[in-house]
Amino acid sequence: MKLGLKIGVVLLPIPSLYWVYKQSNPLWIKIISSLWTIFVSIVQLGSFLSDDGFSGYPSFAIVTLICFFTLHGIYSGIRSLVNKKKGGIPSSSKSPIIQEISKNTFGISKPIEENEPELAIGNETLTPRRARALYTLALKILADDEVDLEESKKLRSWLLRYPESQDDNRTQLLYTTVKEVLKDKVLEKEEALELFALLSEYCDQHEKSEATEEAKKLEKQLKKKASTFKRSSPNSTSFIDQLEFGHEYFMSYQDANGNASDRNIVLHSVNINAQQQYYIKAHCLLRNSIRTFRADRIVNICNVDTGEVVL
């Protein structure tokens, strides 16, 4: 709430209360303003009924105004001290550039500098609009079947611009990983593969949350089909050699957040990084798009044509 409106509520609460409710102020501000208006109305009514009339009201208004500025100063000081300890930036002291960034949903054209301080992080999650914006960015990055250095920098800029992505369980691991891999300003092949896999998982989760009735029906059919296969526990990646490119497989997969899902895939390629971690790139029939999966997170996989359980 702006300072002018605060003073208006103190001196002329009845007309000012209308603007308090008209603006998008927090509920606690509306409640306090309403209680203050009731109190002042009672005081004014008492002054009107007394012998002195309204002669004592100016003194009451002056004393009230002095108390208001005193309390406002104490509140501002405590707020600044708390923000300083948390390393945050008070909203009133943000530069125009930071304010503009906070209004920019997609925010790809305005990269954050390497040493720019991050905003204070609270226990928040991405809004549906921002989650959709990240999904759009992820699809652009995944479109050419690889993640390059410039694309990873754009991804990092987006995530740093919305620091609530650090606490959101949908993007927490992606946030941590992209910051870690770009510390040396170089993107290795295995790091690119890991980012590709995490982006694939994010897209998969987002599409599942926005799935149409037809997609949900298909997913139920796949889960019903999955019940006919014998499940096994993940033990090793030795099954990789038994996979054949271009073949359709049924797969049970557990993502980085521990969420399990069943799907049919058509195998495209297999990659391995320096840590001997395998990544499977395939066309996901459930999402009708290319996805990358970490082999060590595959719970079970079998050939749809032959019924052979590979893992």
Protein backbone atom coordinates (compact mmCIF):
# COMPACT_ATOMS: atom_id res chain seq x y z
CA MET A 1 0.00 0.00 0.00
CA LYS A 2 1.36 3.41 -0.95
CA LEU A 3 2.31 5.93 1.72
CA GLY A 4 -0.33 8.44 0.55
CA LEU A 5 -3.10 5.91 0.98
CA LYS A 6 -1.73 4.96 4.42
CA ILE A 7 -1.94 8.59 5.56
CA GLY A 8 -5.43 8.81 4.06
CA VAL A 9 -6.54 5.79 6.08
CA VAL A 10 -5.17 7.41 9.26
CA LEU A 11 -6.79 10.84 8.75
CA LEU A 12 -9.84 10.07 6.57
CA PRO A 13 -10.43 6.34 7.00
CA ILE A 14 -14.03 6.17 5.73
CA PRO A 15 -13.41 7.38 2.12
CA SER A 16 -9.91 5.85 2.03
CA LEU A 17 -11.23 2.40 2.97
CA TYR A 18 -12.90 2.18 -0.45
CA TRP A 19 -9.50 2.43 -2.21
CA VAL A 20 -7.96 -0.08 0.19
CA TYR A 21 -10.50 -2.68 -0.90
CA LYS A 22 -10.41 -1.65 -4.56
CA GLN A 23 -6.66 -2.22 -4.79
CA SER A 24 -5.10 -5.68 -4.52
CA ASN A 25 -3.90 -5.32 -0.92
CA PRO A 26 -3.30 -8.30 1.41
CA LEU A 27 -6.21 -9.43 3.57
CA TRP A 28 -4.52 -8.40 6.82
CA ILE A 29 -4.20 -4.79 5.59
CA LYS A 30 -7.92 -4.72 4.72
CA ILE A 31 -8.85 -6.10 8.15
CA ILE A 32 -6.66 -3.60 10.05
CA SER A 33 -7.98 -0.72 7.90
CA SER A 34 -11.58 -1.80 8.58
CA LEU A 35 -11.00 -2.03 12.35
CA TRP A 36 -9.30 1.39 12.34
CA THR A 37 -12.22 2.89 10.40
CA ILE A 38 -14.70 1.51 12.93
CA PHE A 39 -12.62 2.91 15.81
CA VAL A 40 -12.33 6.39 14.25
CA SER A 41 -16.05 6.39 13.43
CA ILE A 42 -16.85 5.71 17.09
CA VAL A 43 -14.47 8.53 18.16
CA GLN A 44 -16.08 10.95 15.68
CA LEU A 45 -19.56 9.97 16.83
CA GLY A 46 -18.51 10.53 20.45
CA SER A 47 -17.07 13.94 19.56
CA PHE A 48 -20.27 14.88 17.76
CA LEU A 49 -22.45 13.94 20.71
CA SER A 50 -20.21 15.72 23.26
CA ASP A 51 -20.58 19.35 24.24
CA ASP A 52 -17.31 20.34 22.50
CA GLY A 53 -18.43 18.90 19.14
CA PHE A 54 -15.52 18.32 16.76
CA SER A 55 -13.19 20.82 18.45
CA GLY A 56 -11.06 18.01 19.92
CA TYR A 57 -10.81 15.99 16.71
CA PRO A 58 -7.88 17.98 15.13
CA SER A 59 -5.75 17.23 18.20
CA PHE A 60 -6.72 13.57 17.96
CA ALA A 61 -5.77 13.54 14.25
CA ILE A 62 -2.35 15.14 14.90
CA VAL A 63 -1.51 12.70 17.71
CA THR A 64 -2.65 9.79 15.54
CA LEU A 65 -0.49 10.98 12.63
CA ILE A 66 2.58 11.25 14.88
CA CYS A 67 1.99 7.73 16.19
CA PHE A 68 1.55 6.46 12.64
CA PHE A 69 4.87 7.87 11.39
CA THR A 70 6.64 6.52 14.49
CA LEU A 71 5.26 3.01 13.98
CA HIS A 72 5.87 3.20 10.23
CA GLY A 73 9.52 4.12 10.82
CA ILE A 74 9.99 1.24 13.28
CA TYR A 75 8.35 -1.21 10.85
CA SER A 76 10.49 -0.01 7.92
CA GLY A 77 13.66 -0.32 9.99
CA ILE A 78 12.85 -3.88 11.10
CA ARG A 79 11.92 -4.86 7.54
CA SER A 80 15.18 -3.48 6.14
CA LEU A 81 17.18 -5.30 8.82
CA VAL A 82 15.43 -8.63 8.07
CA ASN A 83 15.98 -8.23 4.31
CA LYS A 84 19.63 -7.39 4.89
CA LYS A 85 20.17 -10.54 6.99
CA LYS A 86 18.44 -12.70 4.36
CA GLY A 87 20.44 -11.13 1.57
CA GLY A 88 17.26 -10.02 -0.17
CA ILE A 89 16.37 -6.81 -1.94
CA PRO A 90 13.38 -4.81 -0.61
CA SER A 91 10.75 -4.32 -3.29
CA SER A 92 10.80 -0.54 -2.85
CA SER A 93 14.55 -0.37 -3.54
CA LYS A 94 14.63 -2.57 -6.63
CA SER A 95 16.14 -0.94 -9.66
CA PRO A 96 13.96 -0.40 -12.77
CA ILE A 97 15.88 -3.22 -14.49
CA ILE A 98 15.01 -5.76 -11.77
CA GLN A 99 11.39 -4.54 -11.70
CA GLU A 100 11.18 -4.99 -15.47
CA ILE A 101 12.66 -8.48 -15.20
CA SER A 102 10.05 -9.46 -12.62
CA LYS A 103 7.30 -8.46 -15.08
CA ASN A 104 8.83 -10.36 -17.97
CA THR A 105 7.37 -13.86 -18.04
CA PHE A 106 9.58 -15.47 -20.63
CA GLY A 107 12.66 -13.34 -19.90
CA ILE A 108 15.02 -14.87 -22.49
CA SER A 109 16.16 -11.65 -24.14
CA LYS A 110 17.51 -10.10 -20.90
CA PRO A 111 20.27 -12.33 -19.50
CA ILE A 112 21.45 -11.93 -15.93
CA GLU A 113 25.06 -11.01 -15.41
CA GLU A 114 27.42 -13.64 -14.01
CA ASN A 115 27.95 -11.91 -10.67
CA GLU A 116 24.46 -10.47 -10.25
CA PRO A 117 23.12 -11.18 -6.73
CA GLU A 118 20.10 -13.43 -6.50
CA LEU A 119 16.84 -12.32 -4.97
CA ALA A 120 15.69 -13.67 -1.62
CA ILE A 121 14.16 -17.10 -1.96
CA GLY A 122 10.98 -18.07 -0.17
CA ASN A 123 9.02 -21.30 0.00
CA GLU A 124 7.18 -20.60 -3.22
CA THR A 125 6.37 -22.46 -6.42
CA LEU A 126 6.18 -21.33 -10.01
CA THR A 127 2.85 -19.93 -11.09
CA PRO A 128 1.02 -21.86 -13.85
CA ARG A 129 1.94 -19.13 -16.31
CA ARG A 130 5.65 -19.31 -15.49
CA ALA A 131 5.60 -23.12 -15.49
CA ARG A 132 4.11 -22.94 -18.98
CA ALA A 133 6.78 -20.42 -20.04
CA LEU A 134 9.56 -22.74 -18.84
CA TYR A 135 7.90 -25.61 -20.70
CA THR A 136 7.93 -23.54 -23.92
CA LEU A 137 11.60 -22.72 -23.41
CA ALA A 138 12.41 -26.38 -22.71
CA LEU A 139 10.71 -27.48 -25.94
CA LYS A 140 12.81 -24.98 -27.91
CA ILE A 141 15.98 -26.32 -26.31
CA LEU A 142 15.01 -29.95 -26.94
CA ALA A 143 13.93 -29.31 -30.54
CA ASP A 144 17.38 -30.04 -32.05
CA ASP A 145 17.94 -33.14 -29.83
CA GLU A 146 20.82 -31.56 -27.90
CA VAL A 147 21.60 -28.86 -25.35
CA ASP A 148 24.39 -26.44 -26.25
CA LEU A 149 26.18 -23.82 -24.14
CA GLU A 150 24.03 -20.86 -25.25
CA GLU A 151 20.82 -22.76 -24.58
CA SER A 152 22.02 -23.76 -21.11
CA LYS A 153 22.84 -20.11 -20.35
CA LYS A 154 19.33 -19.07 -21.41
CA LEU A 155 17.93 -21.76 -19.16
CA ARG A 156 20.06 -20.58 -16.23
CA SER A 157 19.02 -16.95 -16.80
CA TRP A 158 15.36 -17.94 -16.75
CA LEU A 159 15.71 -19.98 -13.54
CA LEU A 160 17.70 -17.25 -11.76
CA ARG A 161 15.11 -14.69 -12.80
CA TYR A 162 12.44 -16.65 -10.96
CA PRO A 163 14.21 -17.86 -7.78
CA GLU A 164 11.11 -19.68 -6.57
CA SER A 165 12.16 -22.38 -9.05
CA GLN A 166 14.85 -23.36 -6.49
CA ASP A 167 12.14 -24.49 -4.04
CA ASP A 168 9.65 -25.86 -6.57
CA ASN A 169 10.00 -29.66 -6.59
CA ARG A 170 9.38 -29.66 -10.35
CA THR A 171 12.46 -27.54 -11.05
CA GLN A 172 14.62 -27.83 -7.92
CA LEU A 173 17.06 -30.37 -9.38
CA LEU A 174 17.14 -28.58 -12.74
CA TYR A 175 17.96 -25.29 -10.97
CA THR A 176 20.82 -26.85 -8.99
CA THR A 177 22.23 -28.78 -11.94
CA VAL A 178 22.32 -25.93 -14.45
CA LYS A 179 24.09 -23.66 -11.93
CA GLU A 180 26.63 -26.36 -11.13
CA VAL A 181 27.49 -27.34 -14.72
CA LEU A 182 28.00 -23.72 -15.82
CA LYS A 183 30.37 -22.77 -12.99
CA ASP A 184 33.34 -23.28 -15.31
CA LYS A 185 31.45 -21.65 -18.24
CA VAL A 186 31.94 -24.84 -20.26
CA LEU A 187 29.29 -27.44 -21.06
CA GLU A 188 30.68 -30.95 -21.34
CA LYS A 189 28.91 -33.68 -23.30
CA GLU A 190 27.86 -35.59 -20.19
CA GLU A 191 26.57 -32.37 -18.61
CA ALA A 192 24.53 -31.65 -21.73
CA LEU A 193 23.07 -35.16 -21.57
CA GLU A 194 22.06 -34.68 -17.93
CA LEU A 195 20.37 -31.35 -18.71
CA PHE A 196 18.60 -32.94 -21.66
CA ALA A 197 17.28 -35.72 -19.42
CA LEU A 198 16.10 -33.28 -16.73
CA LEU A 199 14.38 -31.06 -19.31
CA SER A 200 12.69 -34.13 -20.76
CA GLU A 201 11.42 -35.06 -17.30
CA TYR A 202 10.12 -31.53 -16.71
CA CYS A 203 8.28 -31.51 -20.05
CA ASP A 204 6.85 -34.91 -19.26
CA GLN A 205 5.55 -33.75 -15.87
CA HIS A 206 4.09 -30.56 -17.35
CA GLU A 207 2.34 -32.39 -20.17
CA LYS A 208 0.94 -34.86 -17.68
CA SER A 209 -0.48 -32.04 -15.56
CA GLU A 210 -2.14 -30.49 -18.63
CA ALA A 211 -3.14 -33.77 -20.25
CA THR A 212 -6.42 -33.88 -22.16
CA GLU A 213 -9.05 -36.53 -21.52
CA GLU A 214 -7.83 -38.42 -24.59
CA ALA A 215 -4.25 -38.44 -23.28
CA LYS A 216 -5.40 -39.59 -19.85
CA LYS A 217 -7.37 -42.39 -21.48
CA LEU A 218 -4.26 -43.48 -23.41
CA GLU A 219 -2.22 -43.42 -20.20
CA LYS A 220 -4.78 -45.66 -18.47
CA GLN A 221 -4.59 -48.10 -21.38
CA LEU A 222 -0.79 -48.20 -21.13
CA LYS A 223 -0.94 -48.78 -17.37
CA LYS A 224 -3.44 -51.59 -17.92
CA LYS A 225 -1.10 -53.11 -20.47
CA ALA A 226 1.80 -52.64 -18.04
CA SER A 227 0.12 -54.88 -15.48
CA THR A 228 0.57 -57.87 -17.83
CA PHE A 229 4.36 -57.55 -17.68
CA LYS A 230 6.47 -58.87 -14.85
CA ARG A 231 8.21 -56.06 -13.01
CA SER A 232 11.74 -56.25 -11.70
CA SER A 233 14.00 -54.06 -9.59
CA PRO A 234 16.72 -51.94 -11.22
CA ASN A 235 20.05 -53.72 -10.84
CA SER A 236 22.46 -52.64 -13.57
CA THR A 237 22.66 -51.21 -17.08
CA SER A 238 23.79 -54.47 -18.66
CA PHE A 239 20.48 -54.69 -20.50
CA ILE A 240 21.54 -51.83 -22.80
CA ASP A 241 23.30 -54.23 -25.17
CA GLN A 242 20.05 -56.14 -25.68
CA LEU A 243 18.14 -53.11 -26.96
CA GLU A 244 17.60 -52.63 -30.70
CA PHE A 245 17.18 -49.25 -32.39
CA GLY A 246 13.80 -48.62 -34.02
CA HIS A 247 12.00 -51.20 -31.88
CA GLU A 248 9.10 -50.41 -29.60
CA TYR A 249 9.53 -51.08 -25.88
CA PHE A 250 7.31 -50.84 -22.86
CA MET A 251 9.15 -49.09 -20.03
CA SER A 252 8.57 -48.32 -16.35
CA TYR A 253 10.59 -45.25 -15.38
CA GLN A 254 11.27 -43.38 -12.15
CA ASP A 255 12.26 -39.72 -12.54
CA ALA A 256 14.62 -37.66 -10.34
CA ASN A 257 11.78 -36.80 -7.94
CA GLY A 258 10.89 -40.46 -7.44
CA ASN A 259 7.70 -40.32 -9.54
CA ALA A 260 7.10 -43.57 -11.41
CA SER A 261 5.37 -43.82 -14.78
CA ASP A 262 4.73 -46.38 -17.52
CA ARG A 263 5.03 -45.67 -21.24
CA ASN A 264 5.80 -47.12 -24.65
CA ILE A 265 8.89 -45.81 -26.45
CA VAL A 266 10.60 -46.29 -29.82
CA LEU A 267 14.36 -46.42 -29.25
CA HIS A 268 16.44 -43.88 -31.22
CA SER A 269 19.92 -43.86 -29.69
CA VAL A 270 22.02 -44.61 -26.60
CA ASN A 271 24.69 -42.27 -25.18
CA ILE A 272 27.21 -42.70 -22.37
CA ASN A 273 29.10 -40.06 -20.38
CA ALA A 274 32.52 -40.10 -18.72
CA GLN A 275 31.00 -41.49 -15.49
CA GLN A 276 29.71 -44.52 -17.44
CA GLN A 277 26.10 -43.37 -17.11
CA TYR A 278 23.85 -44.40 -19.99
CA TYR A 279 21.18 -42.17 -21.52
CA ILE A 280 18.45 -43.52 -23.77
CA LYS A 281 16.96 -41.19 -26.36
CA ALA A 282 13.59 -42.35 -27.67
CA HIS A 283 10.25 -41.26 -29.09
CA CYS A 284 7.73 -41.38 -26.26
CA LEU A 285 4.36 -42.60 -27.59
CA LEU A 286 2.59 -41.36 -24.46
CA ARG A 287 3.75 -37.75 -24.97
CA ASN A 288 4.29 -38.04 -28.75
CA SER A 289 7.69 -36.35 -28.56
CA ILE A 290 11.40 -37.09 -28.17
CA ARG A 291 12.53 -37.76 -24.61
CA THR A 292 15.83 -38.69 -22.97
CA PHE A 293 15.89 -41.15 -20.05
CA ARG A 294 18.67 -42.15 -17.68
CA ALA A 295 19.19 -45.90 -17.94
CA ASP A 296 19.80 -46.31 -14.19
CA ARG A 297 16.28 -44.97 -13.50
CA ILE A 298 14.56 -47.55 -15.68
CA VAL A 299 12.65 -49.95 -13.42
CA ASN A 300 11.69 -52.39 -16.13
CA ILE A 301 11.69 -52.56 -19.93
CA CYS A 302 10.47 -55.18 -22.38
CA ASN A 303 10.07 -55.64 -26.12
CA VAL A 304 6.46 -55.00 -27.15
CA ASP A 305 6.65 -57.18 -30.28
CA THR A 306 8.17 -60.28 -28.66
CA GLY A 307 7.13 -59.78 -25.02
CA GLU A 308 10.74 -60.42 -23.96
CA VAL A 309 11.55 -58.79 -20.63
CA VAL A 310 14.93 -57.10 -21.07
CA LEU A 311 15.13 -55.81 -17.48
